[in-house]
Amino acid sequence: MKTAAVIQGLSVITATYACADGHDHTYARRSNVPSTITPPSRPLQWGDINIIHTTDSHGWLLGHQKSSFPEPNYSGDFGEFASFVAHMKELAIKKDVDLLLVDSGDLHDGTGLTDGFPPGGVDAHDANEFFSELPYDLLAIGNHELYIYANTLDMHLNFVPKFKGRYLSSNVNITLPDKDGNLVSVPVGERYAKFKTR
C-alpha cells in the first residue's frame, strides 16, 4: 500500500531537474492527443483463423508519445496492448474462432528499457519478462536479438524456454560448449512448430 502511494505521489511530478547536458526529462501525458483520429469505419470481420501480429517493437513499452499525426494512432502502451489482446482472445472464444498472437522479432534495441545495461547486465533481459507474460502463440527471432552474443545467449537460455517450442529461429544458431567443453552450434529456438489451435 505504501509502495502504491509512493508511486502515485511520484506520478504527479511532471518535470525533473535537468541533466548536466541541459535537457530535461519531462514526461508528456497522452491527454493532449487530438481528437481528430478517425475511428474504425466498420466492424471487425472475423474469420475462422485470425491473427494479431506484432513486429519491431524495439522496447517501446510506453508506446509513441508524440502528439503530431500519425503518432496518436500508435499511442497505446504495453499494458493497453496486453488488455487489448486479452479482450480479443475472449471475443474469439465467444465466437468459437481461433485468434493467434504472433511476433516476428526485434524486441531489442530502441529504448533504455532494452539497451545499454551497465557492464555485466544483459540488454532486454528485464523487458523480456513483460513480453513473456503475453499469450504469444508463435514468435520468431529478429536481427536485433543477434547483435550481441550475451543478448542472444540470454534469449536462448531464459526467454525461448518460456514459449515451450513456439519460439522459431529456423536458420539461426548459437555456438555453445557441450558437456565436454567442445563448441557446438545449436538453434537459438525451434526450427519449426506444429500445434493445434483451439
N, C-alpha and C. Protein backbone atom coordinates (compact mmCIF):
# COMPACT_ATOMS: atom_id res chain seq x y z
N MET A 1 0.83 -1.19 0.00
CA MET A 1 0.00 0.00 0.00
C MET A 1 0.87 1.25 0.00
N LYS A 2 1.95 1.22 0.84
CA LYS A 2 2.84 2.37 0.87
C LYS A 2 3.51 2.55 -0.48
N THR A 3 3.89 1.41 -1.12
CA THR A 3 4.53 1.49 -2.43
C THR A 3 3.61 2.14 -3.44
N ALA A 4 2.32 1.76 -3.42
CA ALA A 4 1.36 2.34 -4.35
C ALA A 4 1.22 3.84 -4.11
N ALA A 5 1.22 4.24 -2.83
CA ALA A 5 1.09 5.66 -2.51
C ALA A 5 2.32 6.44 -3.01
N VAL A 6 3.50 5.84 -2.85
CA VAL A 6 4.72 6.49 -3.31
C VAL A 6 4.69 6.63 -4.83
N ILE A 7 4.29 5.55 -5.52
CA ILE A 7 4.23 5.59 -6.98
C ILE A 7 3.23 6.63 -7.43
N GLN A 8 2.05 6.68 -6.77
CA GLN A 8 1.07 7.70 -7.13
C GLN A 8 1.61 9.09 -6.89
N GLY A 9 2.31 9.26 -5.79
CA GLY A 9 2.89 10.56 -5.49
C GLY A 9 3.91 10.98 -6.52
N LEU A 10 4.74 10.03 -6.94
CA LEU A 10 5.74 10.33 -7.96
C LEU A 10 5.11 10.61 -9.31
N SER A 11 3.97 9.99 -9.58
CA SER A 11 3.36 10.16 -10.90
C SER A 11 2.81 11.55 -11.13
N VAL A 12 2.57 12.31 -10.08
CA VAL A 12 2.05 13.66 -10.27
C VAL A 12 3.16 14.66 -10.57
N ILE A 13 4.39 14.23 -10.41
CA ILE A 13 5.51 15.10 -10.74
C ILE A 13 5.63 15.13 -12.25
N THR A 14 5.53 16.30 -12.83
CA THR A 14 5.53 16.38 -14.30
C THR A 14 6.88 16.76 -14.88
N ALA A 15 7.82 17.16 -14.08
CA ALA A 15 9.14 17.51 -14.60
C ALA A 15 10.19 17.13 -13.58
N THR A 16 11.39 16.88 -14.05
CA THR A 16 12.51 16.61 -13.16
C THR A 16 13.58 17.64 -13.45
N TYR A 17 14.58 17.65 -12.60
CA TYR A 17 15.68 18.57 -12.83
C TYR A 17 16.45 18.16 -14.06
N ALA A 18 17.02 19.12 -14.74
CA ALA A 18 17.75 18.87 -15.98
C ALA A 18 19.06 18.15 -15.69
N CYS A 19 19.50 17.37 -16.67
CA CYS A 19 20.80 16.72 -16.59
C CYS A 19 21.89 17.75 -16.81
N ALA A 20 23.11 17.33 -16.65
CA ALA A 20 24.24 18.23 -16.84
C ALA A 20 24.32 18.75 -18.27
N ASP A 21 23.81 17.96 -19.23
CA ASP A 21 23.90 18.42 -20.62
C ASP A 21 22.76 19.34 -21.02
N GLY A 22 21.89 19.70 -20.09
CA GLY A 22 20.91 20.74 -20.35
C GLY A 22 19.51 20.31 -20.75
N HIS A 23 19.28 19.04 -21.03
CA HIS A 23 17.91 18.64 -21.39
C HIS A 23 17.17 18.15 -20.15
N ASP A 24 15.86 18.26 -20.18
CA ASP A 24 15.09 17.78 -19.04
C ASP A 24 14.40 16.46 -19.41
N HIS A 25 13.76 15.87 -18.45
CA HIS A 25 13.11 14.58 -18.64
C HIS A 25 11.61 14.69 -18.42
N THR A 26 11.01 15.74 -18.93
CA THR A 26 9.58 15.93 -18.78
C THR A 26 8.85 14.82 -19.54
N TYR A 27 7.91 14.23 -18.89
CA TYR A 27 7.11 13.17 -19.49
C TYR A 27 5.74 13.73 -19.82
N ALA A 28 5.44 13.85 -21.09
CA ALA A 28 4.15 14.40 -21.51
C ALA A 28 3.09 13.31 -21.49
N ARG A 29 2.02 13.56 -20.81
CA ARG A 29 0.92 12.59 -20.77
C ARG A 29 0.16 12.61 -22.09
N ARG A 30 -0.51 11.52 -22.39
CA ARG A 30 -1.22 11.40 -23.66
C ARG A 30 -2.55 12.15 -23.67
N SER A 31 -2.88 12.87 -22.64
CA SER A 31 -4.16 13.58 -22.61
C SER A 31 -4.22 14.67 -23.68
N ASN A 32 -3.07 15.03 -24.24
CA ASN A 32 -3.07 16.08 -25.27
C ASN A 32 -3.24 15.50 -26.67
N VAL A 33 -3.61 14.25 -26.78
CA VAL A 33 -3.82 13.63 -28.09
C VAL A 33 -5.04 14.28 -28.75
N PRO A 34 -4.89 14.77 -29.96
CA PRO A 34 -6.03 15.42 -30.62
C PRO A 34 -7.14 14.42 -30.90
N SER A 35 -8.35 14.91 -30.95
CA SER A 35 -9.50 14.03 -31.18
C SER A 35 -9.80 13.89 -32.67
N THR A 36 -8.82 14.17 -33.53
CA THR A 36 -9.04 14.09 -34.97
C THR A 36 -8.75 12.71 -35.55
N ILE A 37 -8.45 11.76 -34.68
CA ILE A 37 -8.18 10.40 -35.16
C ILE A 37 -9.49 9.79 -35.62
N THR A 38 -9.51 9.31 -36.83
CA THR A 38 -10.72 8.72 -37.38
C THR A 38 -10.96 7.35 -36.76
N PRO A 39 -12.11 7.12 -36.17
CA PRO A 39 -12.39 5.81 -35.59
C PRO A 39 -12.62 4.78 -36.70
N PRO A 40 -12.57 3.51 -36.36
CA PRO A 40 -12.83 2.49 -37.37
C PRO A 40 -14.18 2.73 -38.05
N SER A 41 -14.22 2.47 -39.36
CA SER A 41 -15.44 2.78 -40.12
C SER A 41 -16.40 1.60 -40.25
N ARG A 42 -15.94 0.42 -39.84
CA ARG A 42 -16.83 -0.74 -39.92
C ARG A 42 -16.42 -1.75 -38.86
N PRO A 43 -17.29 -2.68 -38.51
CA PRO A 43 -16.94 -3.70 -37.51
C PRO A 43 -15.82 -4.60 -38.03
N LEU A 44 -15.06 -5.13 -37.11
CA LEU A 44 -14.01 -6.07 -37.45
C LEU A 44 -14.62 -7.34 -38.04
N GLN A 45 -14.08 -7.78 -39.16
CA GLN A 45 -14.54 -9.01 -39.79
C GLN A 45 -13.73 -10.18 -39.24
N TRP A 46 -14.40 -11.14 -38.60
CA TRP A 46 -13.74 -12.30 -38.04
C TRP A 46 -13.80 -13.45 -39.04
N GLY A 47 -12.72 -14.22 -39.12
CA GLY A 47 -12.68 -15.43 -39.92
C GLY A 47 -12.52 -16.64 -39.01
N ASP A 48 -12.31 -17.81 -39.58
CA ASP A 48 -12.08 -19.00 -38.77
C ASP A 48 -10.74 -18.91 -38.04
N ILE A 49 -9.74 -18.32 -38.71
CA ILE A 49 -8.43 -18.11 -38.11
C ILE A 49 -8.12 -16.62 -38.22
N ASN A 50 -7.77 -16.01 -37.09
CA ASN A 50 -7.48 -14.58 -37.02
C ASN A 50 -6.11 -14.39 -36.38
N ILE A 51 -5.41 -13.36 -36.77
CA ILE A 51 -4.04 -13.17 -36.29
C ILE A 51 -3.85 -11.72 -35.84
N ILE A 52 -3.28 -11.56 -34.65
CA ILE A 52 -2.77 -10.27 -34.21
C ILE A 52 -1.26 -10.41 -34.33
N HIS A 53 -0.66 -9.53 -35.11
CA HIS A 53 0.78 -9.63 -35.40
C HIS A 53 1.51 -8.41 -34.88
N THR A 54 2.56 -8.64 -34.13
CA THR A 54 3.44 -7.55 -33.70
C THR A 54 4.81 -7.77 -34.30
N THR A 55 5.53 -6.69 -34.50
CA THR A 55 6.89 -6.77 -35.02
C THR A 55 7.63 -5.49 -34.68
N ASP A 56 8.92 -5.59 -34.57
CA ASP A 56 9.78 -4.41 -34.40
C ASP A 56 9.34 -3.48 -33.27
N SER A 57 9.00 -4.05 -32.12
CA SER A 57 8.60 -3.19 -31.00
C SER A 57 9.79 -2.46 -30.40
N HIS A 58 10.99 -3.01 -30.52
CA HIS A 58 12.23 -2.35 -30.11
C HIS A 58 12.15 -1.72 -28.72
N GLY A 59 11.48 -2.38 -27.81
CA GLY A 59 11.44 -1.90 -26.44
C GLY A 59 10.52 -0.74 -26.17
N TRP A 60 9.64 -0.39 -27.09
CA TRP A 60 8.75 0.75 -26.89
C TRP A 60 7.56 0.34 -26.03
N LEU A 61 7.84 0.03 -24.77
CA LEU A 61 6.78 -0.40 -23.86
C LEU A 61 5.83 0.73 -23.50
N LEU A 62 6.26 1.96 -23.66
CA LEU A 62 5.40 3.11 -23.36
C LEU A 62 4.64 3.60 -24.58
N GLY A 63 4.80 2.97 -25.71
CA GLY A 63 4.13 3.43 -26.92
C GLY A 63 4.79 4.69 -27.45
N HIS A 64 4.18 5.29 -28.43
CA HIS A 64 4.69 6.53 -29.02
C HIS A 64 4.03 7.70 -28.30
N GLN A 65 4.83 8.67 -27.94
CA GLN A 65 4.35 9.76 -27.09
C GLN A 65 4.13 11.08 -27.82
N LYS A 66 4.42 11.16 -29.10
CA LYS A 66 4.28 12.44 -29.80
C LYS A 66 2.82 12.71 -30.12
N SER A 67 2.45 13.99 -30.10
CA SER A 67 1.05 14.33 -30.38
C SER A 67 0.81 14.66 -31.84
N SER A 68 1.88 14.71 -32.66
CA SER A 68 1.69 15.04 -34.07
C SER A 68 1.23 13.81 -34.85
N PHE A 69 0.39 14.04 -35.85
CA PHE A 69 -0.15 12.95 -36.66
C PHE A 69 0.99 12.23 -37.37
N PRO A 70 1.02 10.94 -37.52
CA PRO A 70 0.02 9.96 -37.12
C PRO A 70 0.31 9.30 -35.78
N GLU A 71 1.26 9.84 -35.00
CA GLU A 71 1.68 9.22 -33.75
C GLU A 71 0.54 8.87 -32.79
N PRO A 72 -0.48 9.70 -32.62
CA PRO A 72 -1.54 9.32 -31.67
C PRO A 72 -2.20 7.97 -32.00
N ASN A 73 -2.16 7.58 -33.27
CA ASN A 73 -2.70 6.27 -33.63
C ASN A 73 -1.93 5.13 -32.98
N TYR A 74 -0.69 5.40 -32.60
CA TYR A 74 0.18 4.37 -32.04
C TYR A 74 0.49 4.63 -30.58
N SER A 75 -0.38 5.30 -29.88
CA SER A 75 -0.04 5.77 -28.54
C SER A 75 -0.32 4.76 -27.44
N GLY A 76 -0.82 3.58 -27.76
CA GLY A 76 -1.08 2.58 -26.72
C GLY A 76 0.21 2.08 -26.12
N ASP A 77 0.22 1.91 -24.80
CA ASP A 77 1.41 1.36 -24.17
C ASP A 77 1.27 -0.16 -24.05
N PHE A 78 2.27 -0.80 -23.49
CA PHE A 78 2.30 -2.26 -23.45
C PHE A 78 1.16 -2.83 -22.60
N GLY A 79 0.82 -2.15 -21.53
CA GLY A 79 -0.31 -2.60 -20.70
C GLY A 79 -1.62 -2.53 -21.45
N GLU A 80 -1.80 -1.47 -22.23
CA GLU A 80 -3.02 -1.35 -23.04
C GLU A 80 -3.06 -2.43 -24.11
N PHE A 81 -1.90 -2.74 -24.68
CA PHE A 81 -1.85 -3.81 -25.67
C PHE A 81 -2.19 -5.16 -25.03
N ALA A 82 -1.67 -5.43 -23.85
CA ALA A 82 -1.98 -6.67 -23.15
C ALA A 82 -3.48 -6.78 -22.87
N SER A 83 -4.09 -5.67 -22.48
CA SER A 83 -5.53 -5.65 -22.23
C SER A 83 -6.30 -5.91 -23.52
N PHE A 84 -5.87 -5.29 -24.62
CA PHE A 84 -6.50 -5.49 -25.93
C PHE A 84 -6.43 -6.96 -26.32
N VAL A 85 -5.27 -7.58 -26.17
CA VAL A 85 -5.10 -8.99 -26.53
C VAL A 85 -6.02 -9.86 -25.69
N ALA A 86 -6.08 -9.62 -24.38
CA ALA A 86 -6.96 -10.42 -23.52
C ALA A 86 -8.42 -10.28 -23.96
N HIS A 87 -8.84 -9.06 -24.27
CA HIS A 87 -10.21 -8.81 -24.72
C HIS A 87 -10.49 -9.53 -26.05
N MET A 88 -9.55 -9.44 -26.98
CA MET A 88 -9.74 -10.09 -28.28
C MET A 88 -9.75 -11.61 -28.15
N LYS A 89 -8.93 -12.16 -27.26
CA LYS A 89 -8.93 -13.61 -27.04
C LYS A 89 -10.29 -14.05 -26.48
N GLU A 90 -10.87 -13.26 -25.58
CA GLU A 90 -12.20 -13.57 -25.04
C GLU A 90 -13.25 -13.54 -26.15
N LEU A 91 -13.19 -12.52 -26.99
CA LEU A 91 -14.14 -12.44 -28.11
C LEU A 91 -14.01 -13.64 -29.05
N ALA A 92 -12.78 -14.06 -29.31
CA ALA A 92 -12.56 -15.21 -30.19
C ALA A 92 -13.18 -16.48 -29.61
N ILE A 93 -13.07 -16.65 -28.31
CA ILE A 93 -13.67 -17.82 -27.66
C ILE A 93 -15.20 -17.75 -27.80
N LYS A 94 -15.78 -16.58 -27.55
CA LYS A 94 -17.23 -16.43 -27.68
C LYS A 94 -17.70 -16.70 -29.11
N LYS A 95 -16.88 -16.32 -30.09
CA LYS A 95 -17.24 -16.52 -31.50
C LYS A 95 -16.86 -17.92 -32.00
N ASP A 96 -16.17 -18.69 -31.14
CA ASP A 96 -15.70 -20.03 -31.48
C ASP A 96 -14.81 -20.02 -32.72
N VAL A 97 -13.85 -19.08 -32.72
CA VAL A 97 -12.86 -18.99 -33.79
C VAL A 97 -11.47 -18.94 -33.16
N ASP A 98 -10.45 -19.13 -33.96
CA ASP A 98 -9.08 -19.07 -33.48
C ASP A 98 -8.53 -17.67 -33.61
N LEU A 99 -7.76 -17.26 -32.62
CA LEU A 99 -7.05 -15.99 -32.66
C LEU A 99 -5.62 -16.27 -32.21
N LEU A 100 -4.68 -16.09 -33.12
CA LEU A 100 -3.27 -16.32 -32.82
C LEU A 100 -2.57 -14.99 -32.61
N LEU A 101 -1.72 -14.94 -31.59
CA LEU A 101 -0.87 -13.78 -31.34
C LEU A 101 0.53 -14.17 -31.78
N VAL A 102 1.07 -13.42 -32.75
CA VAL A 102 2.34 -13.75 -33.39
C VAL A 102 3.27 -12.54 -33.35
N ASP A 103 4.56 -12.78 -33.09
CA ASP A 103 5.56 -11.71 -33.15
C ASP A 103 6.70 -12.14 -34.05
N SER A 104 7.20 -11.22 -34.88
CA SER A 104 8.28 -11.56 -35.80
C SER A 104 9.61 -10.90 -35.44
N GLY A 105 9.82 -10.63 -34.16
CA GLY A 105 11.14 -10.26 -33.68
C GLY A 105 11.43 -8.78 -33.58
N ASP A 106 12.68 -8.53 -33.21
CA ASP A 106 13.22 -7.20 -32.91
C ASP A 106 12.56 -6.60 -31.68
N LEU A 107 12.61 -7.34 -30.59
CA LEU A 107 12.14 -6.85 -29.31
C LEU A 107 13.16 -5.88 -28.70
N HIS A 108 14.42 -5.99 -29.11
CA HIS A 108 15.52 -5.23 -28.52
C HIS A 108 15.85 -3.98 -29.31
N ASP A 109 16.72 -3.17 -28.72
CA ASP A 109 17.36 -2.03 -29.37
C ASP A 109 16.39 -0.94 -29.76
N GLY A 110 16.11 -0.05 -28.83
CA GLY A 110 15.23 1.06 -29.15
C GLY A 110 15.03 2.02 -28.00
N THR A 111 15.02 1.51 -26.78
CA THR A 111 14.81 2.39 -25.63
C THR A 111 15.76 1.98 -24.51
N GLY A 112 15.81 2.80 -23.50
CA GLY A 112 16.63 2.50 -22.33
C GLY A 112 16.15 1.27 -21.57
N LEU A 113 14.93 0.84 -21.82
CA LEU A 113 14.44 -0.37 -21.16
C LEU A 113 15.03 -1.63 -21.77
N THR A 114 15.53 -1.53 -22.99
CA THR A 114 16.06 -2.72 -23.65
C THR A 114 17.50 -2.61 -24.09
N ASP A 115 18.14 -1.48 -23.95
CA ASP A 115 19.55 -1.39 -24.32
C ASP A 115 20.35 -0.64 -23.26
N GLY A 116 21.63 -0.81 -23.38
CA GLY A 116 22.54 -0.02 -22.56
C GLY A 116 22.60 -0.39 -21.10
N PHE A 117 22.41 -1.66 -20.77
CA PHE A 117 22.54 -2.06 -19.38
C PHE A 117 23.97 -1.82 -18.93
N PRO A 118 24.19 -1.60 -17.64
CA PRO A 118 25.57 -1.41 -17.15
C PRO A 118 26.41 -2.66 -17.43
N PRO A 119 27.72 -2.53 -17.41
CA PRO A 119 28.58 -3.69 -17.64
C PRO A 119 28.17 -4.85 -16.72
N GLY A 120 28.09 -6.03 -17.30
CA GLY A 120 27.66 -7.21 -16.55
C GLY A 120 26.19 -7.51 -16.69
N GLY A 121 25.41 -6.52 -17.11
CA GLY A 121 23.98 -6.73 -17.33
C GLY A 121 23.74 -7.20 -18.75
N VAL A 122 22.53 -7.62 -19.01
CA VAL A 122 22.17 -8.11 -20.34
C VAL A 122 21.03 -7.26 -20.88
N ASP A 123 21.26 -6.68 -22.06
CA ASP A 123 20.22 -5.87 -22.69
C ASP A 123 18.93 -6.68 -22.84
N ALA A 124 17.83 -6.06 -22.53
CA ALA A 124 16.47 -6.56 -22.73
C ALA A 124 16.06 -7.70 -21.80
N HIS A 125 16.93 -8.17 -20.93
CA HIS A 125 16.53 -9.27 -20.05
C HIS A 125 15.28 -8.91 -19.25
N ASP A 126 15.27 -7.73 -18.64
CA ASP A 126 14.12 -7.33 -17.83
C ASP A 126 12.89 -7.05 -18.68
N ALA A 127 13.06 -6.38 -19.82
CA ALA A 127 11.92 -6.11 -20.70
C ALA A 127 11.32 -7.40 -21.24
N ASN A 128 12.15 -8.42 -21.45
CA ASN A 128 11.63 -9.70 -21.93
C ASN A 128 10.66 -10.33 -20.96
N GLU A 129 10.77 -9.99 -19.69
CA GLU A 129 9.81 -10.50 -18.70
C GLU A 129 8.40 -10.00 -19.03
N PHE A 130 8.29 -8.77 -19.48
CA PHE A 130 6.98 -8.24 -19.89
C PHE A 130 6.45 -8.99 -21.11
N PHE A 131 7.31 -9.16 -22.11
CA PHE A 131 6.89 -9.84 -23.34
C PHE A 131 6.44 -11.28 -23.05
N SER A 132 7.14 -11.93 -22.14
CA SER A 132 6.82 -13.34 -21.87
C SER A 132 5.50 -13.51 -21.12
N GLU A 133 4.95 -12.43 -20.61
CA GLU A 133 3.65 -12.52 -19.93
C GLU A 133 2.48 -12.52 -20.91
N LEU A 134 2.72 -12.10 -22.15
CA LEU A 134 1.64 -12.11 -23.14
C LEU A 134 1.46 -13.52 -23.70
N PRO A 135 0.24 -13.87 -24.08
CA PRO A 135 -0.04 -15.24 -24.55
C PRO A 135 0.33 -15.45 -26.02
N TYR A 136 1.60 -15.20 -26.36
CA TYR A 136 2.03 -15.39 -27.75
C TYR A 136 1.90 -16.85 -28.14
N ASP A 137 1.34 -17.08 -29.32
CA ASP A 137 1.21 -18.43 -29.86
C ASP A 137 2.45 -18.81 -30.65
N LEU A 138 3.12 -17.82 -31.21
CA LEU A 138 4.29 -18.07 -32.05
C LEU A 138 5.14 -16.81 -32.10
N LEU A 139 6.46 -16.99 -31.97
CA LEU A 139 7.39 -15.87 -32.08
C LEU A 139 8.54 -16.28 -32.98
N ALA A 140 9.16 -15.31 -33.62
CA ALA A 140 10.35 -15.55 -34.43
C ALA A 140 11.44 -14.58 -33.98
N ILE A 141 12.66 -15.00 -34.17
CA ILE A 141 13.78 -14.15 -33.78
C ILE A 141 13.97 -13.03 -34.80
N GLY A 142 14.42 -11.90 -34.34
CA GLY A 142 14.73 -10.78 -35.22
C GLY A 142 16.22 -10.51 -35.23
N ASN A 143 16.68 -9.74 -36.18
CA ASN A 143 18.11 -9.46 -36.26
C ASN A 143 18.63 -8.70 -35.04
N HIS A 144 17.80 -7.91 -34.39
CA HIS A 144 18.27 -7.15 -33.22
C HIS A 144 18.49 -8.04 -32.00
N GLU A 145 18.00 -9.24 -32.02
CA GLU A 145 18.29 -10.18 -30.94
C GLU A 145 19.64 -10.86 -31.16
N LEU A 146 20.34 -10.55 -32.23
CA LEU A 146 21.56 -11.26 -32.61
C LEU A 146 22.83 -10.44 -32.54
N TYR A 147 22.74 -9.14 -32.36
CA TYR A 147 23.92 -8.28 -32.48
C TYR A 147 24.97 -8.51 -31.38
N ILE A 148 24.54 -8.87 -30.19
CA ILE A 148 25.46 -9.05 -29.07
C ILE A 148 25.28 -10.48 -28.54
N TYR A 149 26.38 -11.22 -28.47
CA TYR A 149 26.31 -12.64 -28.09
C TYR A 149 25.60 -12.82 -26.74
N ALA A 150 25.93 -12.00 -25.75
CA ALA A 150 25.31 -12.15 -24.42
C ALA A 150 23.79 -12.00 -24.50
N ASN A 151 23.29 -11.13 -25.36
CA ASN A 151 21.84 -10.96 -25.51
C ASN A 151 21.22 -12.19 -26.15
N THR A 152 21.87 -12.72 -27.18
CA THR A 152 21.37 -13.91 -27.86
C THR A 152 21.39 -15.10 -26.90
N LEU A 153 22.46 -15.23 -26.14
CA LEU A 153 22.56 -16.31 -25.15
C LEU A 153 21.45 -16.19 -24.11
N ASP A 154 21.18 -14.98 -23.65
CA ASP A 154 20.10 -14.77 -22.68
C ASP A 154 18.74 -15.14 -23.29
N MET A 155 18.53 -14.77 -24.54
CA MET A 155 17.28 -15.16 -25.23
C MET A 155 17.17 -16.69 -25.27
N HIS A 156 18.26 -17.34 -25.67
CA HIS A 156 18.27 -18.80 -25.81
C HIS A 156 18.01 -19.50 -24.47
N LEU A 157 18.66 -19.04 -23.41
CA LEU A 157 18.58 -19.72 -22.12
C LEU A 157 17.36 -19.34 -21.29
N ASN A 158 16.93 -18.08 -21.38
CA ASN A 158 15.90 -17.59 -20.45
C ASN A 158 14.57 -17.20 -21.08
N PHE A 159 14.56 -16.79 -22.32
CA PHE A 159 13.33 -16.32 -22.96
C PHE A 159 12.68 -17.43 -23.78
N VAL A 160 13.45 -18.06 -24.64
CA VAL A 160 12.93 -19.09 -25.54
C VAL A 160 12.20 -20.21 -24.78
N PRO A 161 12.75 -20.74 -23.68
CA PRO A 161 12.07 -21.85 -22.98
C PRO A 161 10.67 -21.50 -22.45
N LYS A 162 10.41 -20.23 -22.20
CA LYS A 162 9.09 -19.84 -21.69
C LYS A 162 7.98 -20.08 -22.71
N PHE A 163 8.35 -20.22 -23.98
CA PHE A 163 7.34 -20.38 -25.02
C PHE A 163 7.19 -21.83 -25.49
N LYS A 164 7.83 -22.74 -24.80
CA LYS A 164 7.61 -24.18 -24.96
C LYS A 164 7.51 -24.63 -26.42
N GLY A 165 8.55 -24.35 -27.19
CA GLY A 165 8.61 -24.79 -28.57
C GLY A 165 7.96 -23.87 -29.58
N ARG A 166 7.50 -22.72 -29.15
CA ARG A 166 6.81 -21.80 -30.05
C ARG A 166 7.66 -20.59 -30.44
N TYR A 167 8.94 -20.61 -30.10
CA TYR A 167 9.87 -19.55 -30.50
C TYR A 167 10.73 -20.10 -31.63
N LEU A 168 10.61 -19.52 -32.82
CA LEU A 168 11.24 -20.07 -34.01
C LEU A 168 12.50 -19.31 -34.42
N SER A 169 13.48 -20.08 -34.87
CA SER A 169 14.70 -19.50 -35.45
C SER A 169 15.23 -20.51 -36.46
N SER A 170 14.50 -20.67 -37.55
CA SER A 170 14.77 -21.75 -38.49
C SER A 170 16.17 -21.72 -39.08
N ASN A 171 16.80 -20.57 -39.18
CA ASN A 171 18.13 -20.51 -39.77
C ASN A 171 19.13 -19.76 -38.89
N VAL A 172 18.89 -19.73 -37.58
CA VAL A 172 19.78 -19.01 -36.68
C VAL A 172 20.27 -19.95 -35.59
N ASN A 173 21.59 -20.07 -35.49
CA ASN A 173 22.21 -20.91 -34.46
C ASN A 173 23.01 -20.05 -33.50
N ILE A 174 23.33 -20.64 -32.36
CA ILE A 174 24.24 -20.04 -31.39
C ILE A 174 25.28 -21.10 -31.05
N THR A 175 26.51 -20.67 -30.84
CA THR A 175 27.59 -21.60 -30.50
C THR A 175 27.73 -21.67 -29.00
N LEU A 176 27.66 -22.90 -28.47
CA LEU A 176 27.71 -23.14 -27.03
C LEU A 176 28.68 -24.29 -26.74
N PRO A 177 29.24 -24.34 -25.54
CA PRO A 177 30.04 -25.51 -25.18
C PRO A 177 29.12 -26.68 -24.83
N ASP A 178 29.48 -27.89 -25.27
CA ASP A 178 28.71 -29.07 -24.87
C ASP A 178 29.21 -29.55 -23.52
N LYS A 179 28.75 -30.72 -23.06
CA LYS A 179 29.11 -31.21 -21.73
C LYS A 179 30.59 -31.51 -21.59
N ASP A 180 31.28 -31.71 -22.73
CA ASP A 180 32.72 -31.98 -22.71
C ASP A 180 33.55 -30.74 -22.99
N GLY A 181 32.92 -29.59 -23.14
CA GLY A 181 33.63 -28.35 -23.40
C GLY A 181 33.89 -28.07 -24.86
N ASN A 182 33.40 -28.92 -25.74
CA ASN A 182 33.54 -28.69 -27.18
C ASN A 182 32.48 -27.71 -27.64
N LEU A 183 32.85 -26.83 -28.56
CA LEU A 183 31.88 -25.86 -29.07
C LEU A 183 30.98 -26.53 -30.11
N VAL A 184 29.69 -26.33 -29.94
CA VAL A 184 28.71 -26.88 -30.87
C VAL A 184 27.73 -25.77 -31.27
N SER A 185 27.21 -25.87 -32.46
CA SER A 185 26.24 -24.91 -32.97
C SER A 185 24.85 -25.50 -32.82
N VAL A 186 23.98 -24.77 -32.10
CA VAL A 186 22.62 -25.25 -31.87
C VAL A 186 21.63 -24.15 -32.25
N PRO A 187 20.41 -24.52 -32.62
CA PRO A 187 19.40 -23.49 -32.93
C PRO A 187 19.11 -22.63 -31.70
N VAL A 188 18.91 -21.34 -31.91
CA VAL A 188 18.52 -20.45 -30.81
C VAL A 188 17.14 -20.86 -30.30
N GLY A 189 16.22 -21.12 -31.22
CA GLY A 189 14.87 -21.57 -30.88
C GLY A 189 14.58 -22.86 -31.63
N GLU A 190 13.34 -23.06 -31.96
CA GLU A 190 12.95 -24.26 -32.71
C GLU A 190 13.06 -24.00 -34.20
N ARG A 191 13.28 -25.05 -34.97
CA ARG A 191 13.34 -24.93 -36.43
C ARG A 191 11.93 -24.74 -37.00
N TYR A 192 10.95 -25.34 -36.37
CA TYR A 192 9.55 -25.22 -36.78
C TYR A 192 8.68 -25.55 -35.58
N ALA A 193 7.42 -25.25 -35.67
CA ALA A 193 6.45 -25.59 -34.61
C ALA A 193 5.21 -26.16 -35.27
N LYS A 194 4.72 -27.23 -34.71
CA LYS A 194 3.48 -27.84 -35.17
C LYS A 194 2.57 -27.92 -33.95
N PHE A 195 1.40 -27.33 -34.08
CA PHE A 195 0.49 -27.32 -32.94
C PHE A 195 -0.94 -27.23 -33.43
N LYS A 196 -1.85 -27.58 -32.53
CA LYS A 196 -3.29 -27.47 -32.82
C LYS A 196 -3.80 -26.19 -32.19
N THR A 197 -4.69 -25.55 -32.90
CA THR A 197 -5.36 -24.40 -32.33
C THR A 197 -6.53 -24.92 -31.48
N ARG A 198 -7.31 -24.03 -30.95
CA ARG A 198 -8.42 -24.46 -30.09
C ARG A 198 -9.18 -25.54 -30.78
